[in-house]
N, C-alpha and C. Protein backbone atom coordinates (compact mmCIF):
# COMPACT_ATOMS: atom_id res chain seq x y z
N MET A 1 35.16 -26.66 -41.27
CA MET A 1 35.08 -26.42 -39.86
C MET A 1 35.45 -24.97 -39.53
N SER A 2 36.41 -24.43 -40.21
CA SER A 2 36.83 -23.07 -39.95
C SER A 2 35.76 -22.05 -40.32
N VAL A 3 34.83 -22.41 -41.21
CA VAL A 3 33.75 -21.51 -41.60
C VAL A 3 32.72 -21.42 -40.48
N LEU A 4 32.44 -22.52 -39.78
CA LEU A 4 31.44 -22.54 -38.73
C LEU A 4 31.94 -21.87 -37.45
N LEU A 5 33.20 -21.94 -37.19
CA LEU A 5 33.76 -21.41 -35.96
C LEU A 5 33.50 -19.91 -35.79
N PRO A 6 33.72 -19.07 -36.79
CA PRO A 6 33.42 -17.64 -36.61
C PRO A 6 31.93 -17.39 -36.39
N VAL A 7 31.06 -18.18 -37.02
CA VAL A 7 29.62 -18.02 -36.84
C VAL A 7 29.25 -18.36 -35.40
N ASN A 8 29.81 -19.45 -34.87
CA ASN A 8 29.54 -19.84 -33.49
C ASN A 8 30.04 -18.79 -32.52
N ARG A 9 31.17 -18.19 -32.80
CA ARG A 9 31.70 -17.14 -31.93
C ARG A 9 30.79 -15.92 -31.95
N ARG A 10 30.26 -15.59 -33.12
CA ARG A 10 29.34 -14.46 -33.21
C ARG A 10 28.07 -14.73 -32.41
N ILE A 11 27.55 -15.93 -32.52
CA ILE A 11 26.33 -16.30 -31.76
C ILE A 11 26.62 -16.25 -30.26
N LEU A 12 27.76 -16.79 -29.88
CA LEU A 12 28.15 -16.77 -28.47
C LEU A 12 28.33 -15.34 -27.97
N ALA A 13 28.93 -14.49 -28.77
CA ALA A 13 29.12 -13.09 -28.39
C ALA A 13 27.77 -12.38 -28.26
N LEU A 14 26.87 -12.63 -29.20
CA LEU A 14 25.54 -12.03 -29.15
C LEU A 14 24.79 -12.50 -27.91
N PHE A 15 24.85 -13.79 -27.64
CA PHE A 15 24.18 -14.36 -26.48
C PHE A 15 24.75 -13.76 -25.19
N SER A 16 26.04 -13.56 -25.12
CA SER A 16 26.69 -12.96 -23.94
C SER A 16 26.22 -11.53 -23.72
N VAL A 17 26.11 -10.78 -24.79
CA VAL A 17 25.63 -9.40 -24.68
C VAL A 17 24.18 -9.38 -24.18
N ILE A 18 23.36 -10.27 -24.70
CA ILE A 18 21.95 -10.35 -24.27
C ILE A 18 21.88 -10.67 -22.78
N LEU A 19 22.68 -11.62 -22.31
CA LEU A 19 22.70 -11.96 -20.89
C LEU A 19 23.15 -10.80 -20.03
N LEU A 20 24.16 -10.07 -20.48
CA LEU A 20 24.64 -8.93 -19.71
C LEU A 20 23.58 -7.83 -19.60
N VAL A 21 22.85 -7.64 -20.68
CA VAL A 21 21.83 -6.59 -20.69
C VAL A 21 20.60 -7.01 -19.88
N LEU A 22 20.12 -8.24 -20.07
CA LEU A 22 18.89 -8.69 -19.43
C LEU A 22 19.09 -9.28 -18.04
N GLY A 23 20.29 -9.64 -17.69
CA GLY A 23 20.57 -10.29 -16.41
C GLY A 23 20.02 -9.56 -15.20
N PRO A 24 20.29 -8.26 -15.05
CA PRO A 24 19.77 -7.54 -13.89
C PRO A 24 18.25 -7.51 -13.82
N PHE A 25 17.59 -7.47 -14.98
CA PHE A 25 16.12 -7.45 -14.98
C PHE A 25 15.56 -8.78 -14.53
N VAL A 26 16.16 -9.87 -14.94
CA VAL A 26 15.72 -11.20 -14.53
C VAL A 26 15.93 -11.35 -13.03
N ALA A 27 17.07 -10.95 -12.52
CA ALA A 27 17.36 -11.06 -11.09
C ALA A 27 16.41 -10.19 -10.28
N SER A 28 16.12 -8.98 -10.76
CA SER A 28 15.24 -8.10 -10.00
C SER A 28 13.80 -8.60 -10.00
N ALA A 29 13.39 -9.30 -11.03
CA ALA A 29 12.04 -9.87 -11.05
C ALA A 29 11.92 -10.98 -10.02
N GLN A 30 13.01 -11.72 -9.80
CA GLN A 30 12.98 -12.81 -8.83
C GLN A 30 13.10 -12.28 -7.41
N ASP A 31 13.82 -11.19 -7.19
CA ASP A 31 14.08 -10.64 -5.87
C ASP A 31 13.44 -9.26 -5.74
N LYS A 32 12.17 -9.14 -6.07
CA LYS A 32 11.49 -7.85 -6.04
C LYS A 32 11.38 -7.36 -4.59
N ARG A 33 11.68 -6.10 -4.40
CA ARG A 33 11.64 -5.50 -3.07
C ARG A 33 10.80 -4.22 -3.12
N GLY A 34 10.19 -3.92 -1.99
CA GLY A 34 9.38 -2.71 -1.87
C GLY A 34 10.23 -1.46 -1.96
N GLN A 35 9.74 -0.45 -2.65
CA GLN A 35 10.48 0.80 -2.82
C GLN A 35 10.59 1.58 -1.52
N VAL A 36 9.66 1.37 -0.59
CA VAL A 36 9.65 2.12 0.66
C VAL A 36 10.42 1.38 1.75
N THR A 37 10.11 0.11 1.95
CA THR A 37 10.68 -0.65 3.07
C THR A 37 11.89 -1.50 2.70
N ASN A 38 12.07 -1.74 1.41
CA ASN A 38 13.11 -2.64 0.91
C ASN A 38 12.90 -4.08 1.39
N LEU A 39 11.68 -4.39 1.80
CA LEU A 39 11.32 -5.76 2.18
C LEU A 39 10.84 -6.50 0.94
N PRO A 40 10.90 -7.83 0.96
CA PRO A 40 10.49 -8.61 -0.21
C PRO A 40 9.01 -8.40 -0.56
N LEU A 41 8.74 -8.44 -1.85
CA LEU A 41 7.36 -8.41 -2.38
C LEU A 41 7.19 -9.60 -3.29
N PRO A 42 6.09 -10.32 -3.17
CA PRO A 42 5.09 -10.19 -2.12
C PRO A 42 5.60 -10.76 -0.79
N ARG A 43 4.92 -10.36 0.30
CA ARG A 43 5.23 -10.88 1.64
C ARG A 43 3.94 -10.92 2.44
N TYR A 44 3.96 -11.65 3.53
CA TYR A 44 2.77 -11.77 4.37
C TYR A 44 2.89 -10.92 5.62
N VAL A 45 1.77 -10.34 6.01
CA VAL A 45 1.63 -9.57 7.24
C VAL A 45 0.28 -9.96 7.85
N SER A 46 -0.12 -9.30 8.92
CA SER A 46 -1.44 -9.54 9.49
C SER A 46 -2.09 -8.21 9.86
N MET A 47 -3.40 -8.24 10.05
CA MET A 47 -4.13 -7.04 10.47
C MET A 47 -3.85 -6.77 11.93
N LYS A 48 -3.32 -5.59 12.23
CA LYS A 48 -3.07 -5.20 13.62
C LYS A 48 -4.37 -4.71 14.25
N ALA A 49 -5.14 -4.00 13.48
CA ALA A 49 -6.39 -3.41 13.98
C ALA A 49 -7.55 -4.40 13.84
N ALA A 50 -8.59 -4.15 14.62
CA ALA A 50 -9.80 -4.97 14.53
C ALA A 50 -10.60 -4.60 13.28
N GLU A 51 -10.32 -3.43 12.75
CA GLU A 51 -11.05 -2.95 11.57
C GLU A 51 -10.13 -2.07 10.74
N GLY A 52 -10.16 -2.25 9.42
CA GLY A 52 -9.31 -1.44 8.56
C GLY A 52 -9.93 -1.17 7.22
N ASN A 53 -9.97 0.11 6.84
CA ASN A 53 -10.52 0.50 5.54
C ASN A 53 -9.59 0.07 4.42
N VAL A 54 -10.19 -0.49 3.38
CA VAL A 54 -9.44 -0.90 2.19
C VAL A 54 -9.85 0.06 1.08
N ARG A 55 -8.88 0.82 0.59
CA ARG A 55 -9.16 1.89 -0.36
C ARG A 55 -8.75 1.51 -1.78
N ARG A 56 -9.36 2.21 -2.71
CA ARG A 56 -9.10 1.98 -4.13
C ARG A 56 -7.71 2.45 -4.54
N GLY A 57 -7.16 3.42 -3.83
CA GLY A 57 -5.84 3.96 -4.13
C GLY A 57 -5.12 4.30 -2.84
N PRO A 58 -3.83 4.67 -2.93
CA PRO A 58 -3.01 4.90 -1.74
C PRO A 58 -3.11 6.31 -1.15
N SER A 59 -4.31 6.71 -0.73
CA SER A 59 -4.47 7.99 -0.02
C SER A 59 -5.86 8.02 0.61
N LEU A 60 -6.04 8.93 1.56
CA LEU A 60 -7.34 9.07 2.23
C LEU A 60 -8.41 9.60 1.30
N SER A 61 -8.03 10.22 0.20
CA SER A 61 -9.01 10.76 -0.74
C SER A 61 -9.61 9.67 -1.64
N HIS A 62 -9.00 8.50 -1.66
CA HIS A 62 -9.56 7.42 -2.47
C HIS A 62 -10.74 6.76 -1.77
N ARG A 63 -11.65 6.28 -2.57
CA ARG A 63 -12.87 5.65 -2.08
C ARG A 63 -12.56 4.38 -1.29
N ILE A 64 -13.33 4.14 -0.22
CA ILE A 64 -13.23 2.90 0.54
C ILE A 64 -14.07 1.85 -0.18
N ASP A 65 -13.42 0.77 -0.60
CA ASP A 65 -14.14 -0.30 -1.29
C ASP A 65 -14.78 -1.28 -0.30
N TRP A 66 -14.09 -1.58 0.79
CA TRP A 66 -14.64 -2.42 1.85
C TRP A 66 -13.79 -2.28 3.09
N VAL A 67 -14.17 -3.01 4.12
CA VAL A 67 -13.48 -2.92 5.41
C VAL A 67 -13.10 -4.33 5.86
N PHE A 68 -11.82 -4.52 6.17
CA PHE A 68 -11.41 -5.78 6.80
C PHE A 68 -11.80 -5.69 8.26
N LYS A 69 -12.45 -6.73 8.79
CA LYS A 69 -12.96 -6.68 10.16
C LYS A 69 -12.49 -7.85 11.00
N ARG A 70 -11.24 -8.24 10.84
CA ARG A 70 -10.76 -9.38 11.63
C ARG A 70 -9.31 -9.17 12.04
N ARG A 71 -9.10 -8.87 13.30
CA ARG A 71 -7.75 -8.69 13.84
C ARG A 71 -6.97 -9.99 13.64
N GLY A 72 -5.73 -9.86 13.21
CA GLY A 72 -4.87 -11.02 13.02
C GLY A 72 -4.99 -11.69 11.66
N MET A 73 -5.92 -11.26 10.84
CA MET A 73 -6.12 -11.88 9.52
C MET A 73 -4.85 -11.78 8.68
N PRO A 74 -4.37 -12.90 8.13
CA PRO A 74 -3.18 -12.81 7.27
C PRO A 74 -3.51 -12.12 5.95
N LEU A 75 -2.60 -11.29 5.50
CA LEU A 75 -2.74 -10.57 4.24
C LEU A 75 -1.42 -10.63 3.50
N GLN A 76 -1.48 -10.53 2.19
CA GLN A 76 -0.27 -10.53 1.38
C GLN A 76 -0.04 -9.12 0.84
N VAL A 77 1.12 -8.54 1.13
CA VAL A 77 1.49 -7.23 0.60
C VAL A 77 2.06 -7.43 -0.79
N THR A 78 1.50 -6.73 -1.78
CA THR A 78 1.95 -6.86 -3.16
C THR A 78 2.60 -5.59 -3.71
N ALA A 79 2.39 -4.45 -3.02
CA ALA A 79 2.99 -3.19 -3.48
C ALA A 79 3.06 -2.21 -2.31
N GLU A 80 3.89 -1.17 -2.48
CA GLU A 80 4.07 -0.13 -1.48
C GLU A 80 4.03 1.23 -2.16
N TYR A 81 3.47 2.21 -1.45
CA TYR A 81 3.52 3.59 -1.92
C TYR A 81 3.43 4.48 -0.69
N GLY A 82 4.51 5.12 -0.32
CA GLY A 82 4.53 5.96 0.87
C GLY A 82 4.14 5.16 2.10
N ASN A 83 3.14 5.64 2.83
CA ASN A 83 2.65 4.96 4.04
C ASN A 83 1.56 3.94 3.74
N TRP A 84 1.39 3.59 2.48
CA TRP A 84 0.31 2.69 2.08
C TRP A 84 0.86 1.37 1.56
N ARG A 85 0.12 0.30 1.83
CA ARG A 85 0.49 -1.03 1.34
C ARG A 85 -0.70 -1.60 0.59
N LYS A 86 -0.43 -2.12 -0.60
CA LYS A 86 -1.47 -2.80 -1.36
C LYS A 86 -1.49 -4.24 -0.88
N VAL A 87 -2.64 -4.68 -0.39
CA VAL A 87 -2.75 -6.01 0.20
C VAL A 87 -3.88 -6.79 -0.47
N GLN A 88 -3.81 -8.09 -0.29
CA GLN A 88 -4.92 -8.94 -0.72
C GLN A 88 -5.08 -10.07 0.29
N ASP A 89 -6.32 -10.54 0.40
CA ASP A 89 -6.59 -11.64 1.30
C ASP A 89 -6.56 -12.96 0.55
N ARG A 90 -6.93 -14.02 1.21
CA ARG A 90 -6.89 -15.37 0.64
C ARG A 90 -7.66 -15.47 -0.67
N ASP A 91 -8.74 -14.73 -0.78
CA ASP A 91 -9.60 -14.79 -1.97
C ASP A 91 -9.16 -13.84 -3.06
N GLY A 92 -8.09 -13.09 -2.83
CA GLY A 92 -7.59 -12.15 -3.83
C GLY A 92 -8.22 -10.78 -3.71
N ALA A 93 -9.15 -10.60 -2.75
CA ALA A 93 -9.78 -9.30 -2.54
C ALA A 93 -8.80 -8.40 -1.80
N GLY A 94 -8.74 -7.16 -2.19
CA GLY A 94 -7.83 -6.26 -1.50
C GLY A 94 -7.86 -4.86 -2.05
N GLY A 95 -6.86 -4.13 -1.68
CA GLY A 95 -6.73 -2.74 -2.06
C GLY A 95 -5.63 -2.13 -1.21
N TRP A 96 -5.71 -0.82 -1.01
CA TRP A 96 -4.67 -0.09 -0.30
C TRP A 96 -5.07 0.14 1.16
N VAL A 97 -4.14 -0.18 2.07
CA VAL A 97 -4.36 -0.05 3.51
C VAL A 97 -3.20 0.75 4.09
N HIS A 98 -3.50 1.64 5.05
CA HIS A 98 -2.44 2.39 5.72
C HIS A 98 -1.57 1.42 6.51
N TYR A 99 -0.26 1.64 6.46
CA TYR A 99 0.67 0.70 7.09
C TYR A 99 0.46 0.56 8.60
N ALA A 100 -0.09 1.57 9.26
CA ALA A 100 -0.31 1.52 10.71
C ALA A 100 -1.34 0.46 11.10
N LEU A 101 -2.15 0.02 10.15
CA LEU A 101 -3.16 -1.00 10.43
C LEU A 101 -2.60 -2.42 10.30
N LEU A 102 -1.34 -2.54 9.89
CA LEU A 102 -0.74 -3.85 9.62
C LEU A 102 0.34 -4.17 10.64
N SER A 103 0.56 -5.46 10.84
CA SER A 103 1.57 -5.94 11.77
C SER A 103 2.47 -6.95 11.07
N GLY A 104 3.71 -6.99 11.49
CA GLY A 104 4.65 -7.98 10.96
C GLY A 104 4.48 -9.35 11.61
N VAL A 105 3.60 -9.45 12.61
CA VAL A 105 3.33 -10.74 13.25
C VAL A 105 2.69 -11.66 12.22
N ARG A 106 3.26 -12.83 12.06
CA ARG A 106 2.78 -13.76 11.03
C ARG A 106 1.66 -14.65 11.55
N THR A 107 0.60 -14.70 10.78
CA THR A 107 -0.52 -15.58 11.06
C THR A 107 -0.86 -16.35 9.80
N VAL A 108 -1.64 -17.40 9.95
CA VAL A 108 -2.10 -18.18 8.80
C VAL A 108 -3.59 -18.44 8.95
N LEU A 109 -4.22 -18.73 7.84
CA LEU A 109 -5.63 -19.07 7.80
C LEU A 109 -5.73 -20.57 7.53
N ILE A 110 -6.49 -21.27 8.35
CA ILE A 110 -6.68 -22.71 8.17
C ILE A 110 -7.61 -22.93 6.99
N GLU A 111 -7.17 -23.75 6.02
CA GLU A 111 -7.94 -23.97 4.80
C GLU A 111 -8.55 -25.36 4.71
N SER A 112 -8.41 -26.16 5.75
CA SER A 112 -8.92 -27.53 5.73
C SER A 112 -9.79 -27.74 6.96
N ASP A 113 -10.98 -28.29 6.77
CA ASP A 113 -11.89 -28.47 7.90
C ASP A 113 -11.38 -29.54 8.85
N LEU A 114 -11.43 -29.23 10.13
CA LEU A 114 -10.95 -30.11 11.20
C LEU A 114 -9.52 -30.58 10.94
N LEU A 115 -8.68 -29.60 10.64
CA LEU A 115 -7.27 -29.86 10.36
C LEU A 115 -6.60 -30.44 11.59
N PRO A 116 -6.01 -31.64 11.48
CA PRO A 116 -5.30 -32.19 12.63
C PRO A 116 -4.01 -31.42 12.89
N VAL A 117 -3.80 -31.07 14.15
CA VAL A 117 -2.59 -30.40 14.59
C VAL A 117 -1.86 -31.40 15.48
N TYR A 118 -0.66 -31.79 15.05
CA TYR A 118 0.09 -32.86 15.70
C TYR A 118 1.08 -32.32 16.72
N SER A 119 1.43 -33.18 17.69
CA SER A 119 2.40 -32.79 18.70
C SER A 119 3.81 -32.67 18.12
N ASN A 120 4.08 -33.36 17.02
CA ASN A 120 5.37 -33.32 16.32
C ASN A 120 5.11 -33.23 14.82
N PRO A 121 6.10 -32.79 14.04
CA PRO A 121 5.89 -32.72 12.58
C PRO A 121 5.96 -34.11 11.96
N ASP A 122 4.97 -34.93 12.33
CA ASP A 122 4.92 -36.33 11.89
C ASP A 122 3.46 -36.77 11.96
N PRO A 123 2.89 -37.26 10.85
CA PRO A 123 1.48 -37.65 10.86
C PRO A 123 1.19 -38.86 11.77
N ASN A 124 2.23 -39.53 12.23
CA ASN A 124 2.04 -40.66 13.15
C ASN A 124 2.10 -40.23 14.61
N SER A 125 2.39 -38.94 14.88
CA SER A 125 2.43 -38.46 16.26
C SER A 125 1.01 -38.17 16.74
N GLN A 126 0.88 -37.87 18.02
CA GLN A 126 -0.41 -37.63 18.65
C GLN A 126 -1.05 -36.35 18.12
N VAL A 127 -2.36 -36.38 17.88
CA VAL A 127 -3.11 -35.20 17.47
C VAL A 127 -3.42 -34.40 18.73
N SER A 128 -2.93 -33.16 18.79
CA SER A 128 -3.14 -32.34 19.98
C SER A 128 -4.39 -31.46 19.86
N ALA A 129 -4.87 -31.23 18.63
CA ALA A 129 -6.08 -30.43 18.41
C ALA A 129 -6.54 -30.59 16.97
N ARG A 130 -7.72 -30.11 16.71
CA ARG A 130 -8.24 -30.03 15.33
C ARG A 130 -8.80 -28.63 15.15
N PHE A 131 -8.34 -27.94 14.09
CA PHE A 131 -8.78 -26.57 13.83
C PHE A 131 -9.77 -26.56 12.68
N GLU A 132 -10.81 -25.75 12.83
CA GLU A 132 -11.81 -25.62 11.78
C GLU A 132 -11.33 -24.71 10.66
N THR A 133 -11.94 -24.84 9.51
CA THR A 133 -11.66 -23.95 8.38
C THR A 133 -11.93 -22.51 8.80
N GLY A 134 -11.04 -21.60 8.43
CA GLY A 134 -11.22 -20.18 8.73
C GLY A 134 -10.60 -19.72 10.02
N VAL A 135 -10.09 -20.63 10.84
CA VAL A 135 -9.42 -20.23 12.07
C VAL A 135 -8.14 -19.49 11.71
N VAL A 136 -7.87 -18.39 12.41
CA VAL A 136 -6.61 -17.66 12.25
C VAL A 136 -5.67 -18.15 13.35
N ALA A 137 -4.51 -18.65 12.93
CA ALA A 137 -3.54 -19.18 13.88
C ALA A 137 -2.23 -18.41 13.76
N ARG A 138 -1.53 -18.32 14.85
CA ARG A 138 -0.20 -17.69 14.87
C ARG A 138 0.80 -18.66 14.25
N LEU A 139 1.68 -18.12 13.42
CA LEU A 139 2.66 -18.94 12.71
C LEU A 139 3.99 -18.94 13.45
N GLY A 140 4.55 -20.13 13.61
CA GLY A 140 5.86 -20.27 14.24
C GLY A 140 6.86 -20.83 13.25
N THR A 141 7.61 -21.81 13.70
CA THR A 141 8.63 -22.47 12.89
C THR A 141 8.00 -23.22 11.72
N CYS A 142 8.68 -23.21 10.57
CA CYS A 142 8.21 -23.99 9.41
C CYS A 142 9.38 -24.74 8.79
N THR A 143 9.11 -25.99 8.44
CA THR A 143 10.04 -26.76 7.62
C THR A 143 9.50 -26.70 6.20
N ILE A 144 10.04 -27.50 5.33
CA ILE A 144 9.56 -27.48 3.94
C ILE A 144 8.11 -28.00 3.84
N GLU A 145 7.68 -28.88 4.77
CA GLU A 145 6.33 -29.45 4.69
C GLU A 145 5.42 -29.07 5.86
N TRP A 146 5.99 -28.72 7.00
CA TRP A 146 5.22 -28.53 8.23
C TRP A 146 5.42 -27.13 8.80
N CYS A 147 4.39 -26.64 9.54
CA CYS A 147 4.50 -25.40 10.29
C CYS A 147 3.95 -25.61 11.69
N ARG A 148 4.61 -24.97 12.65
CA ARG A 148 4.11 -24.96 14.03
C ARG A 148 3.16 -23.78 14.14
N ILE A 149 1.94 -24.06 14.59
CA ILE A 149 0.91 -23.03 14.69
C ILE A 149 0.27 -23.09 16.08
N SER A 150 -0.39 -21.98 16.45
CA SER A 150 -1.11 -21.95 17.72
C SER A 150 -2.34 -21.07 17.59
N ALA A 151 -3.41 -21.50 18.26
CA ALA A 151 -4.66 -20.74 18.29
C ALA A 151 -5.52 -21.26 19.44
N GLY A 152 -6.18 -20.36 20.13
CA GLY A 152 -7.11 -20.75 21.18
C GLY A 152 -6.49 -21.56 22.31
N GLY A 153 -5.21 -21.34 22.57
CA GLY A 153 -4.55 -22.08 23.63
C GLY A 153 -4.00 -23.43 23.20
N TYR A 154 -4.22 -23.79 21.95
CA TYR A 154 -3.72 -25.06 21.43
C TYR A 154 -2.56 -24.78 20.48
N ARG A 155 -1.62 -25.71 20.43
CA ARG A 155 -0.50 -25.53 19.51
C ARG A 155 -0.02 -26.89 19.04
N GLY A 156 0.67 -26.84 17.90
CA GLY A 156 1.22 -28.07 17.35
C GLY A 156 1.64 -27.85 15.90
N TRP A 157 1.83 -28.95 15.21
CA TRP A 157 2.33 -28.92 13.84
C TRP A 157 1.23 -29.30 12.85
N ALA A 158 1.16 -28.54 11.76
CA ALA A 158 0.18 -28.80 10.69
C ALA A 158 0.90 -28.83 9.36
N LEU A 159 0.34 -29.58 8.43
CA LEU A 159 0.91 -29.60 7.09
C LEU A 159 0.75 -28.22 6.45
N LYS A 160 1.83 -27.71 5.92
CA LYS A 160 1.85 -26.37 5.33
C LYS A 160 0.84 -26.24 4.19
N SER A 161 0.59 -27.30 3.47
CA SER A 161 -0.33 -27.24 2.33
C SER A 161 -1.76 -26.92 2.73
N ASN A 162 -2.09 -26.99 4.03
CA ASN A 162 -3.42 -26.67 4.53
C ASN A 162 -3.53 -25.26 5.11
N LEU A 163 -2.49 -24.45 4.90
CA LEU A 163 -2.43 -23.12 5.49
C LEU A 163 -2.29 -22.06 4.41
N TRP A 164 -3.00 -20.92 4.60
CA TRP A 164 -2.78 -19.78 3.72
C TRP A 164 -2.11 -18.69 4.54
N GLY A 165 -1.03 -18.15 4.01
CA GLY A 165 -0.30 -17.11 4.70
C GLY A 165 1.17 -17.47 4.85
N VAL A 166 1.57 -18.54 4.20
CA VAL A 166 2.97 -18.97 4.20
C VAL A 166 3.26 -19.57 2.84
N ASP A 167 4.41 -19.21 2.26
CA ASP A 167 4.77 -19.73 0.94
C ASP A 167 5.17 -21.20 1.03
N PRO A 168 4.89 -21.99 0.00
CA PRO A 168 5.24 -23.41 0.02
C PRO A 168 6.73 -23.67 0.24
N SER A 169 7.60 -22.81 -0.25
CA SER A 169 9.04 -23.03 -0.10
C SER A 169 9.63 -22.31 1.11
N GLU A 170 8.80 -21.61 1.88
CA GLU A 170 9.29 -20.81 3.00
C GLU A 170 9.69 -21.69 4.18
N ILE A 171 10.86 -21.41 4.72
CA ILE A 171 11.34 -22.10 5.92
C ILE A 171 11.55 -21.03 6.99
N ARG A 172 11.01 -21.27 8.19
CA ARG A 172 11.13 -20.33 9.31
C ARG A 172 11.73 -21.05 10.51
N GLU A 173 12.64 -20.35 11.18
CA GLU A 173 13.26 -20.94 12.38
C GLU A 173 12.73 -20.32 13.63
């Protein structure tokens, strides 16, 4: 037994050193923040402008790959560089957009056709509206399963799993 004890201590010591060295890297990968804003990455924003150029790189000298043409469209910010944000849409299409074209107002994209929007976060409550696929709705409070949304003068609760622009584990008050 005394022969195994020093070996176990060496393994434990080695494991402790590995944890001390790699610990900050593991934590930073889980809590990644933008170098410019110090806000979490990835995060969701929306298009402030009715039209926004999406560039191949973070400057005006980079080629425009396409143009987002929908005010309020939810986008996911995945990187930051100066006044530029690397964004992607629901389909993964994206590039670099000037930060002035983006808003912190949260919106979601309806991903289910004729999505029932309930008066309460309960599938047995009254249906107050039905939203078509592709509708952009304003995002309000979210529980683990439900989000309060509004669009076109209608509002209510929808299952989070039918929305793009909010993380599955995200809770909003």
